[in-house]
Amino acid sequence: MPFAYIVHKGLYVVVSTGLDRVSWTEIRACQDQTKTDPNFNPEFDQIVDLRATTSFDMTGEQATVLARRMIFSFSSKRAFLASSPAVFGMARMWEAFTELSDNPSQIKVFYDLSPALKWLGLEAMPSAI
């Protein structure tokens, strides 16, 4: 699956990972699954690791819908990691859409893992999927 997640309950963080070309349908399904996961708490922080993502298969309107869904709380910190300008730009767009929603959470987009972990208060990257 090109988009998946794992809940690290003891660290209060969700690690979501994108691989290759990620679609609107895959992200929406992952959001739905995360929201109903018994180990998930909307107060948790999130790392969205898009470093292996090459592109997105979704319209701007679909990105807006996904970004505005209430999955995490307003106090959650969500660090998006990107390795290419195109993926970084999509993550920044997601950040803007979330900020403009009725249910904003704190999102920052990073190219490097170290400052993202520092912002989240983590010493190391939790194991991925």
C-alpha atoms as a PDB file:
ATOM      1  CA  MET A   1       0.000   0.000   0.000  1.00  0.00           C
ATOM      2  CA  PRO A   2       1.563   3.321  -1.022  1.00  0.00           C
ATOM      3  CA  PHE A   3       0.229   5.117   2.076  1.00  0.00           C
ATOM      4  CA  ALA A   4       0.173   3.484   5.505  1.00  0.00           C
ATOM      5  CA  TYR A   5       0.569   4.311   9.196  1.00  0.00           C
ATOM      6  CA  ILE A   6       1.597   2.930  12.574  1.00  0.00           C
ATOM      7  CA  VAL A   7       0.550   4.221  15.996  1.00  0.00           C
ATOM      8  CA  HIS A   8       3.306   4.444  18.607  1.00  0.00           C
ATOM      9  CA  LYS A   9       1.060   4.684  21.647  1.00  0.00           C
ATOM     10  CA  GLY A  10       3.925   4.928  24.156  1.00  0.00           C
ATOM     11  CA  LEU A  11       5.476   7.842  22.240  1.00  0.00           C
ATOM     12  CA  TYR A  12       2.115   9.547  21.573  1.00  0.00           C
ATOM     13  CA  VAL A  13       2.870   9.732  17.867  1.00  0.00           C
ATOM     14  CA  VAL A  14       1.543   8.358  14.592  1.00  0.00           C
ATOM     15  CA  VAL A  15       3.989   7.720  11.753  1.00  0.00           C
ATOM     16  CA  SER A  16       2.338   7.868   8.324  1.00  0.00           C
ATOM     17  CA  THR A  17       4.415   6.894   5.312  1.00  0.00           C
ATOM     18  CA  GLY A  18       3.907   7.545   1.613  1.00  0.00           C
ATOM     19  CA  LEU A  19       5.591   5.460  -1.075  1.00  0.00           C
ATOM     20  CA  ASP A  20       5.836   6.216  -4.789  1.00  0.00           C
ATOM     21  CA  ARG A  21       2.669   7.755  -6.277  1.00  0.00           C
ATOM     22  CA  VAL A  22       0.084   8.408  -3.524  1.00  0.00           C
ATOM     23  CA  SER A  23      -3.595   8.832  -4.359  1.00  0.00           C
ATOM     24  CA  TRP A  24      -6.497  10.653  -2.762  1.00  0.00           C
ATOM     25  CA  THR A  25      -8.277   7.341  -2.196  1.00  0.00           C
ATOM     26  CA  GLU A  26      -5.292   5.840  -0.359  1.00  0.00           C
ATOM     27  CA  ILE A  27      -4.838   8.831   1.939  1.00  0.00           C
ATOM     28  CA  ARG A  28      -8.551   9.013   2.716  1.00  0.00           C
ATOM     29  CA  ALA A  29      -8.659   5.280   3.519  1.00  0.00           C
ATOM     30  CA  CYS A  30      -5.604   5.651   5.756  1.00  0.00           C
ATOM     31  CA  GLN A  31      -7.207   8.614   7.560  1.00  0.00           C
ATOM     32  CA  ASP A  32     -10.389   6.592   8.112  1.00  0.00           C
ATOM     33  CA  GLN A  33      -8.418   3.642   9.441  1.00  0.00           C
ATOM     34  CA  THR A  34      -6.278   5.840  11.709  1.00  0.00           C
ATOM     35  CA  LYS A  35      -9.318   7.591  13.179  1.00  0.00           C
ATOM     36  CA  THR A  36     -10.926   4.280  14.177  1.00  0.00           C
ATOM     37  CA  ASP A  37      -7.727   2.539  15.344  1.00  0.00           C
ATOM     38  CA  PRO A  38      -8.180   1.630  19.055  1.00  0.00           C
ATOM     39  CA  ASN A  39      -4.569   2.693  19.748  1.00  0.00           C
ATOM     40  CA  PHE A  40      -5.077   6.133  18.200  1.00  0.00           C
ATOM     41  CA  ASN A  41      -5.724   9.276  20.202  1.00  0.00           C
ATOM     42  CA  PRO A  42      -6.418  12.557  18.345  1.00  0.00           C
ATOM     43  CA  GLU A  43      -4.107  14.314  20.827  1.00  0.00           C
ATOM     44  CA  PHE A  44      -1.106  12.374  19.439  1.00  0.00           C
ATOM     45  CA  ASP A  45       1.462  14.072  17.231  1.00  0.00           C
ATOM     46  CA  GLN A  46       2.221  12.854  13.716  1.00  0.00           C
ATOM     47  CA  ILE A  47       5.156  12.360  11.403  1.00  0.00           C
ATOM     48  CA  VAL A  48       4.113  12.219   7.752  1.00  0.00           C
ATOM     49  CA  ASP A  49       7.146  10.740   6.025  1.00  0.00           C
ATOM     50  CA  LEU A  50       6.872  11.590   2.328  1.00  0.00           C
ATOM     51  CA  ARG A  51      10.573  11.173   1.535  1.00  0.00           C
ATOM     52  CA  ALA A  52       9.829   8.115  -0.650  1.00  0.00           C
ATOM     53  CA  THR A  53       6.800   9.749  -2.296  1.00  0.00           C
ATOM     54  CA  THR A  54       7.312  10.680  -5.941  1.00  0.00           C
ATOM     55  CA  SER A  55       3.967  12.333  -6.723  1.00  0.00           C
ATOM     56  CA  PHE A  56       0.314  12.711  -5.740  1.00  0.00           C
ATOM     57  CA  ASP A  57      -2.711  11.592  -7.721  1.00  0.00           C
ATOM     58  CA  MET A  58      -5.345  14.085  -6.556  1.00  0.00           C
ATOM     59  CA  THR A  59      -6.862  17.403  -7.485  1.00  0.00           C
ATOM     60  CA  GLY A  60      -6.471  20.587  -5.469  1.00  0.00           C
ATOM     61  CA  GLU A  61     -10.069  20.224  -4.317  1.00  0.00           C
ATOM     62  CA  GLN A  62      -9.424  16.662  -3.105  1.00  0.00           C
ATOM     63  CA  ALA A  63      -6.325  17.846  -1.221  1.00  0.00           C
ATOM     64  CA  THR A  64      -8.454  20.535   0.430  1.00  0.00           C
ATOM     65  CA  VAL A  65     -11.047  17.969   1.537  1.00  0.00           C
ATOM     66  CA  LEU A  66      -8.375  15.695   3.027  1.00  0.00           C
ATOM     67  CA  ALA A  67      -6.531  18.505   4.793  1.00  0.00           C
ATOM     68  CA  ARG A  68      -9.715  19.833   6.372  1.00  0.00           C
ATOM     69  CA  ARG A  69     -10.857  16.507   7.811  1.00  0.00           C
ATOM     70  CA  MET A  70     -10.694  16.433  11.602  1.00  0.00           C
ATOM     71  CA  ILE A  71      -8.416  13.533  12.490  1.00  0.00           C
ATOM     72  CA  PHE A  72      -5.936  15.176  14.882  1.00  0.00           C
ATOM     73  CA  SER A  73      -6.668  17.780  17.557  1.00  0.00           C
ATOM     74  CA  PHE A  74      -5.743  21.457  17.338  1.00  0.00           C
ATOM     75  CA  SER A  75      -2.941  20.836  19.871  1.00  0.00           C
ATOM     76  CA  SER A  76      -1.323  18.056  17.800  1.00  0.00           C
ATOM     77  CA  LYS A  77       1.975  18.780  16.101  1.00  0.00           C
ATOM     78  CA  ARG A  78       2.251  17.259  12.637  1.00  0.00           C
ATOM     79  CA  ALA A  79       5.656  17.192  10.926  1.00  0.00           C
ATOM     80  CA  PHE A  80       5.634  16.532   7.180  1.00  0.00           C
ATOM     81  CA  LEU A  81       8.936  15.320   5.693  1.00  0.00           C
ATOM     82  CA  ALA A  82       9.634  15.812   1.986  1.00  0.00           C
ATOM     83  CA  SER A  83      12.667  15.155  -0.198  1.00  0.00           C
ATOM     84  CA  SER A  84      11.662  16.919  -3.415  1.00  0.00           C
ATOM     85  CA  PRO A  85      10.377  20.426  -4.153  1.00  0.00           C
ATOM     86  CA  ALA A  86       7.133  19.048  -5.662  1.00  0.00           C
ATOM     87  CA  VAL A  87       6.296  16.961  -2.592  1.00  0.00           C
ATOM     88  CA  PHE A  88       7.383  19.803  -0.280  1.00  0.00           C
ATOM     89  CA  GLY A  89       5.013  22.131  -2.172  1.00  0.00           C
ATOM     90  CA  MET A  90       2.085  19.724  -1.819  1.00  0.00           C
ATOM     91  CA  ALA A  91       2.801  19.408   1.912  1.00  0.00           C
ATOM     92  CA  ARG A  92       2.892  23.217   2.265  1.00  0.00           C
ATOM     93  CA  MET A  93      -0.433  23.401   0.434  1.00  0.00           C
ATOM     94  CA  TRP A  94      -1.820  20.824   2.909  1.00  0.00           C
ATOM     95  CA  GLU A  95      -0.496  23.004   5.752  1.00  0.00           C
ATOM     96  CA  ALA A  96      -2.270  26.071   4.348  1.00  0.00           C
ATOM     97  CA  PHE A  97      -5.560  24.220   3.798  1.00  0.00           C
ATOM     98  CA  THR A  98      -5.437  22.920   7.383  1.00  0.00           C
ATOM     99  CA  GLU A  99      -4.702  26.370   8.807  1.00  0.00           C
ATOM    100  CA  LEU A 100      -7.749  27.755   6.984  1.00  0.00           C
ATOM    101  CA  SER A 101     -10.057  24.976   8.170  1.00  0.00           C
ATOM    102  CA  ASP A 102     -12.437  24.972  11.113  1.00  0.00           C
ATOM    103  CA  ASN A 103     -10.240  22.317  12.764  1.00  0.00           C
ATOM    104  CA  PRO A 104      -6.616  23.435  12.380  1.00  0.00           C
ATOM    105  CA  SER A 105      -3.683  21.540  13.853  1.00  0.00           C
ATOM    106  CA  GLN A 106      -0.059  22.615  13.957  1.00  0.00           C
ATOM    107  CA  ILE A 107       1.747  21.550  10.785  1.00  0.00           C
ATOM    108  CA  LYS A 108       5.307  22.244   9.722  1.00  0.00           C
ATOM    109  CA  VAL A 109       7.007  20.938   6.606  1.00  0.00           C
ATOM    110  CA  PHE A 110      10.650  19.877   6.690  1.00  0.00           C
ATOM    111  CA  TYR A 111      13.280  18.605   4.275  1.00  0.00           C
ATOM    112  CA  ASP A 112      15.429  17.196   7.090  1.00  0.00           C
ATOM    113  CA  LEU A 113      14.469  14.675   9.755  1.00  0.00           C
ATOM    114  CA  SER A 114      16.503  16.153  12.621  1.00  0.00           C
ATOM    115  CA  PRO A 115      14.642  19.488  12.951  1.00  0.00           C
ATOM    116  CA  ALA A 116      11.299  17.687  12.543  1.00  0.00           C
ATOM    117  CA  LEU A 117      12.107  15.332  15.407  1.00  0.00           C
ATOM    118  CA  LYS A 118      13.335  18.228  17.543  1.00  0.00           C
ATOM    119  CA  TRP A 119      10.092  20.151  16.910  1.00  0.00           C
ATOM    120  CA  LEU A 120       8.094  17.081  17.982  1.00  0.00           C
ATOM    121  CA  GLY A 121      10.286  16.512  21.043  1.00  0.00           C
ATOM    122  CA  LEU A 122      11.509  13.114  19.814  1.00  0.00           C
ATOM    123  CA  GLU A 123      15.085  11.859  20.054  1.00  0.00           C
ATOM    124  CA  ALA A 124      14.856   9.389  17.171  1.00  0.00           C
ATOM    125  CA  MET A 125      12.543   8.356  14.374  1.00  0.00           C
ATOM    126  CA  PRO A 126      10.107   5.698  15.602  1.00  0.00           C
ATOM    127  CA  SER A 127      10.017   2.559  13.512  1.00  0.00           C
ATOM    128  CA  ALA A 128       8.092   3.015  10.288  1.00  0.00           C
ATOM    129  CA  ILE A 129       5.635   0.691   8.643  1.00  0.00           C
END
